[in-house]
């Protein structure tokens, strides 16, 4: 697919695959497929992005689950526990 940018003199070739939805590249969600090579023009210049590799894996469901050893505590208990560790990045009010 050829693309024309107003700030660039030449047409640029964009490569995409219609087999993968464009939604995985947030910058161009309306593209006809996942862009494998594309360009971005801004005040700093012309940038070419190229997909160099892709590893299609189905992540394990456990990746999205809350670990069994996690504890649900109140915000007050969390603040107290954080204040007592000495390494807290939460400021004391």
N, C-alpha and C. Protein backbone atom coordinates (compact mmCIF):
# COMPACT_ATOMS: atom_id res chain seq x y z
N UNK A 1 0.86 -1.15 0.00
CA UNK A 1 0.00 0.00 0.00
C UNK A 1 0.91 1.23 0.00
N UNK A 2 0.65 2.19 -0.89
CA UNK A 2 1.42 3.42 -0.94
C UNK A 2 0.74 4.48 -0.08
N UNK A 3 1.56 5.23 0.65
CA UNK A 3 1.04 6.27 1.53
C UNK A 3 1.75 7.57 1.17
N UNK A 4 1.03 8.65 1.19
CA UNK A 4 1.59 9.97 0.92
C UNK A 4 1.45 10.84 2.15
N UNK A 5 2.57 11.39 2.62
CA UNK A 5 2.59 12.34 3.72
C UNK A 5 2.81 13.73 3.13
N UNK A 6 2.14 14.73 3.65
CA UNK A 6 2.28 16.09 3.11
C UNK A 6 3.69 16.64 3.32
N UNK A 7 4.38 16.19 4.36
CA UNK A 7 5.72 16.70 4.64
C UNK A 7 6.83 15.91 3.95
N UNK A 8 6.47 14.85 3.21
CA UNK A 8 7.46 13.99 2.56
C UNK A 8 7.21 14.03 1.06
N UNK A 9 8.27 14.19 0.29
CA UNK A 9 8.15 14.36 -1.15
C UNK A 9 7.75 13.06 -1.86
N UNK A 10 8.28 11.94 -1.44
CA UNK A 10 8.04 10.67 -2.13
C UNK A 10 6.92 9.87 -1.46
N UNK A 11 6.29 9.00 -2.25
CA UNK A 11 5.34 8.03 -1.69
C UNK A 11 6.13 7.01 -0.87
N UNK A 12 5.53 6.52 0.19
CA UNK A 12 6.16 5.53 1.04
C UNK A 12 5.34 4.25 0.98
N UNK A 13 6.02 3.12 0.95
CA UNK A 13 5.34 1.83 0.91
C UNK A 13 5.13 1.32 2.32
N UNK A 14 3.87 1.01 2.63
CA UNK A 14 3.51 0.43 3.91
C UNK A 14 3.13 -1.02 3.66
N UNK A 15 3.66 -1.92 4.46
CA UNK A 15 3.38 -3.35 4.31
C UNK A 15 2.52 -3.80 5.48
N UNK A 16 1.49 -4.56 5.19
CA UNK A 16 0.59 -5.04 6.24
C UNK A 16 0.12 -6.45 5.92
N UNK A 17 -0.44 -7.10 6.92
CA UNK A 17 -1.05 -8.41 6.72
C UNK A 17 -2.51 -8.32 7.17
N UNK A 18 -3.43 -8.70 6.30
CA UNK A 18 -4.84 -8.68 6.69
C UNK A 18 -5.21 -9.85 7.61
N UNK A 19 -4.27 -10.78 7.82
CA UNK A 19 -4.54 -11.96 8.66
C UNK A 19 -4.56 -11.62 10.15
N UNK A 20 -3.99 -10.45 10.52
CA UNK A 20 -3.94 -10.04 11.92
C UNK A 20 -4.58 -8.66 12.02
N UNK A 21 -5.47 -8.49 12.98
CA UNK A 21 -6.21 -7.23 13.12
C UNK A 21 -5.28 -6.07 13.47
N UNK A 22 -5.61 -4.90 12.95
CA UNK A 22 -4.82 -3.70 13.21
C UNK A 22 -4.93 -3.23 14.65
N UNK A 23 -5.88 -3.76 15.40
CA UNK A 23 -6.09 -3.31 16.79
C UNK A 23 -4.86 -3.55 17.67
N UNK A 24 -3.96 -4.42 17.23
CA UNK A 24 -2.77 -4.70 18.03
C UNK A 24 -1.69 -3.63 17.86
N UNK A 25 -1.91 -2.70 16.95
CA UNK A 25 -1.02 -1.56 16.78
C UNK A 25 -1.87 -0.32 17.04
N UNK A 26 -1.85 0.15 18.26
CA UNK A 26 -2.75 1.21 18.69
C UNK A 26 -2.67 2.50 17.89
N UNK A 27 -1.54 2.78 17.26
CA UNK A 27 -1.38 4.03 16.53
C UNK A 27 -2.23 4.08 15.26
N UNK A 28 -2.52 2.93 14.66
CA UNK A 28 -3.27 2.89 13.40
C UNK A 28 -4.36 1.82 13.47
N UNK A 29 -5.35 1.98 14.33
CA UNK A 29 -6.37 0.94 14.50
C UNK A 29 -7.28 0.77 13.29
N UNK A 30 -7.31 1.75 12.38
CA UNK A 30 -8.18 1.65 11.20
C UNK A 30 -7.47 1.09 9.97
N UNK A 31 -6.24 0.66 10.12
CA UNK A 31 -5.50 0.05 9.00
C UNK A 31 -6.21 -1.24 8.57
N UNK A 32 -6.01 -1.66 7.31
CA UNK A 32 -6.69 -2.87 6.83
C UNK A 32 -6.12 -4.16 7.41
N UNK A 33 -5.11 -4.06 8.24
CA UNK A 33 -4.50 -5.22 8.89
C UNK A 33 -3.32 -4.73 9.71
N UNK A 34 -2.63 -5.66 10.35
CA UNK A 34 -1.47 -5.28 11.17
C UNK A 34 -0.35 -4.76 10.27
N UNK A 35 0.14 -3.56 10.57
CA UNK A 35 1.23 -2.98 9.79
C UNK A 35 2.54 -3.65 10.16
N UNK A 36 3.21 -4.19 9.14
CA UNK A 36 4.49 -4.87 9.35
C UNK A 36 5.66 -3.92 9.11
N UNK A 37 5.44 -2.95 8.24
CA UNK A 37 6.40 -1.87 8.04
C UNK A 37 5.60 -0.61 7.76
N UNK A 38 5.89 0.45 8.52
CA UNK A 38 5.16 1.69 8.36
C UNK A 38 6.04 2.86 8.77
N UNK A 39 5.56 4.06 8.53
CA UNK A 39 6.32 5.27 8.78
C UNK A 39 5.52 6.22 9.66
N UNK A 40 6.26 7.00 10.44
CA UNK A 40 5.68 8.07 11.24
C UNK A 40 6.49 9.33 10.95
N UNK A 41 5.79 10.40 10.63
CA UNK A 41 6.44 11.68 10.37
C UNK A 41 6.07 12.62 11.51
N UNK A 42 7.10 13.26 12.09
CA UNK A 42 6.84 14.28 13.12
C UNK A 42 7.89 15.38 13.00
N UNK A 43 7.92 16.28 13.95
CA UNK A 43 8.85 17.41 13.89
C UNK A 43 10.32 17.01 13.91
N UNK A 44 10.59 15.79 14.37
CA UNK A 44 11.97 15.33 14.50
C UNK A 44 12.44 14.53 13.29
N UNK A 45 11.54 14.22 12.37
CA UNK A 45 11.97 13.50 11.19
C UNK A 45 11.00 12.41 10.76
N UNK A 46 11.50 11.54 9.92
CA UNK A 46 10.74 10.41 9.38
C UNK A 46 11.27 9.14 10.04
N UNK A 47 10.37 8.38 10.65
CA UNK A 47 10.76 7.16 11.34
C UNK A 47 10.12 5.97 10.63
N UNK A 48 10.93 4.96 10.35
CA UNK A 48 10.42 3.72 9.76
C UNK A 48 10.40 2.64 10.83
N UNK A 49 9.26 2.02 11.00
CA UNK A 49 9.10 0.93 11.95
C UNK A 49 8.91 -0.36 11.16
N UNK A 50 9.66 -1.39 11.53
CA UNK A 50 9.58 -2.68 10.85
C UNK A 50 9.45 -3.79 11.87
N UNK A 51 8.45 -4.63 11.69
CA UNK A 51 8.31 -5.82 12.53
C UNK A 51 9.40 -6.79 12.13
N UNK A 52 10.28 -7.11 13.07
CA UNK A 52 11.40 -8.00 12.77
C UNK A 52 11.10 -9.45 13.09
N UNK A 53 10.28 -9.68 14.09
CA UNK A 53 9.92 -11.05 14.43
C UNK A 53 8.60 -11.05 15.19
N UNK A 54 7.95 -12.19 15.15
CA UNK A 54 6.69 -12.32 15.86
C UNK A 54 6.63 -13.74 16.41
N UNK A 55 6.27 -13.83 17.66
CA UNK A 55 6.19 -15.13 18.32
C UNK A 55 4.75 -15.34 18.76
N UNK A 56 4.03 -16.14 18.01
CA UNK A 56 2.63 -16.38 18.33
C UNK A 56 2.53 -17.46 19.40
N UNK A 57 2.11 -17.06 20.57
CA UNK A 57 1.94 -17.99 21.68
C UNK A 57 0.60 -17.73 22.33
N UNK A 58 0.02 -18.75 22.86
CA UNK A 58 -1.18 -18.59 23.67
C UNK A 58 -0.71 -18.54 25.11
N UNK A 59 -0.86 -17.37 25.76
CA UNK A 59 -0.36 -17.26 27.14
C UNK A 59 -1.19 -18.12 28.08
N UNK A 60 -0.56 -18.64 29.12
CA UNK A 60 -1.31 -19.44 30.08
C UNK A 60 -2.33 -18.58 30.82
N UNK A 61 -3.47 -19.15 31.11
CA UNK A 61 -4.53 -18.43 31.82
C UNK A 61 -4.04 -17.90 33.16
N UNK A 62 -3.12 -18.61 33.79
CA UNK A 62 -2.60 -18.19 35.10
C UNK A 62 -1.93 -16.83 35.05
N UNK A 63 -1.47 -16.41 33.87
CA UNK A 63 -0.85 -15.11 33.72
C UNK A 63 -1.82 -13.99 34.05
N UNK A 64 -3.12 -14.22 33.86
CA UNK A 64 -4.14 -13.20 34.07
C UNK A 64 -4.92 -13.40 35.36
N UNK A 65 -4.51 -14.35 36.17
CA UNK A 65 -5.24 -14.66 37.40
C UNK A 65 -4.49 -14.06 38.60
N UNK A 66 -5.22 -13.82 39.65
CA UNK A 66 -4.62 -13.35 40.90
C UNK A 66 -3.92 -14.53 41.55
N UNK A 67 -2.63 -14.39 41.88
CA UNK A 67 -1.91 -15.50 42.51
C UNK A 67 -2.57 -15.94 43.82
N UNK A 68 -2.48 -17.22 44.10
CA UNK A 68 -3.14 -17.81 45.27
C UNK A 68 -2.62 -17.23 46.59
N UNK A 69 -1.37 -16.76 46.62
CA UNK A 69 -0.81 -16.26 47.88
C UNK A 69 -1.06 -14.76 48.11
N UNK A 70 -1.81 -14.12 47.25
CA UNK A 70 -2.15 -12.71 47.46
C UNK A 70 -3.19 -12.59 48.54
N UNK A 71 -3.14 -11.47 49.26
CA UNK A 71 -4.10 -11.20 50.31
C UNK A 71 -4.88 -9.94 49.97
N UNK A 72 -6.15 -9.95 50.26
CA UNK A 72 -6.98 -8.77 50.11
C UNK A 72 -7.02 -8.07 51.46
N UNK A 73 -6.56 -6.80 51.47
CA UNK A 73 -6.55 -6.04 52.72
C UNK A 73 -7.16 -4.66 52.47
N UNK A 74 -7.53 -4.00 53.51
CA UNK A 74 -8.11 -2.66 53.40
C UNK A 74 -7.00 -1.66 53.06
N UNK A 75 -7.41 -0.51 52.57
CA UNK A 75 -6.45 0.54 52.26
C UNK A 75 -5.72 0.97 53.54
N UNK A 76 -6.44 1.06 54.64
CA UNK A 76 -5.83 1.45 55.91
C UNK A 76 -4.74 0.45 56.31
N UNK A 77 -5.04 -0.84 56.21
CA UNK A 77 -4.05 -1.86 56.57
C UNK A 77 -2.85 -1.80 55.62
N UNK A 78 -3.11 -1.54 54.35
CA UNK A 78 -2.02 -1.42 53.38
C UNK A 78 -1.11 -0.25 53.73
N UNK A 79 -1.73 0.89 54.06
CA UNK A 79 -0.93 2.07 54.42
C UNK A 79 -0.10 1.82 55.67
N UNK A 80 -0.70 1.15 56.65
CA UNK A 80 0.03 0.85 57.88
C UNK A 80 1.19 -0.10 57.59
N UNK A 81 0.92 -1.11 56.79
CA UNK A 81 1.97 -2.09 56.45
C UNK A 81 3.08 -1.42 55.66
N UNK A 82 2.71 -0.53 54.74
CA UNK A 82 3.71 0.19 53.93
C UNK A 82 4.56 1.10 54.79
N UNK A 83 3.94 1.77 55.75
CA UNK A 83 4.67 2.70 56.62
C UNK A 83 5.65 1.95 57.51
N UNK A 84 5.33 0.72 57.88
CA UNK A 84 6.18 -0.05 58.78
C UNK A 84 7.36 -0.72 58.08
N UNK A 85 7.35 -0.79 56.75
CA UNK A 85 8.43 -1.49 56.07
C UNK A 85 9.67 -0.62 55.95
N UNK A 86 9.51 0.71 55.98
CA UNK A 86 10.65 1.59 55.88
C UNK A 86 11.10 1.82 54.44
N UNK A 87 10.60 1.03 53.50
CA UNK A 87 10.97 1.18 52.10
C UNK A 87 9.83 1.74 51.28
N UNK A 88 8.86 2.28 51.93
CA UNK A 88 7.64 2.73 51.25
C UNK A 88 7.90 3.96 50.40
N UNK A 89 7.34 3.97 49.21
CA UNK A 89 7.40 5.16 48.38
C UNK A 89 6.12 5.97 48.55
N UNK A 90 5.24 5.51 49.44
CA UNK A 90 4.01 6.20 49.72
C UNK A 90 4.26 7.21 50.83
N UNK A 91 4.02 8.50 50.57
CA UNK A 91 4.28 9.50 51.62
C UNK A 91 3.30 9.37 52.76
N UNK A 92 3.78 9.63 53.96
CA UNK A 92 2.91 9.64 55.12
C UNK A 92 2.21 11.00 55.21
N UNK A 93 0.91 10.99 55.35
CA UNK A 93 0.15 12.23 55.43
C UNK A 93 -0.17 12.58 56.85
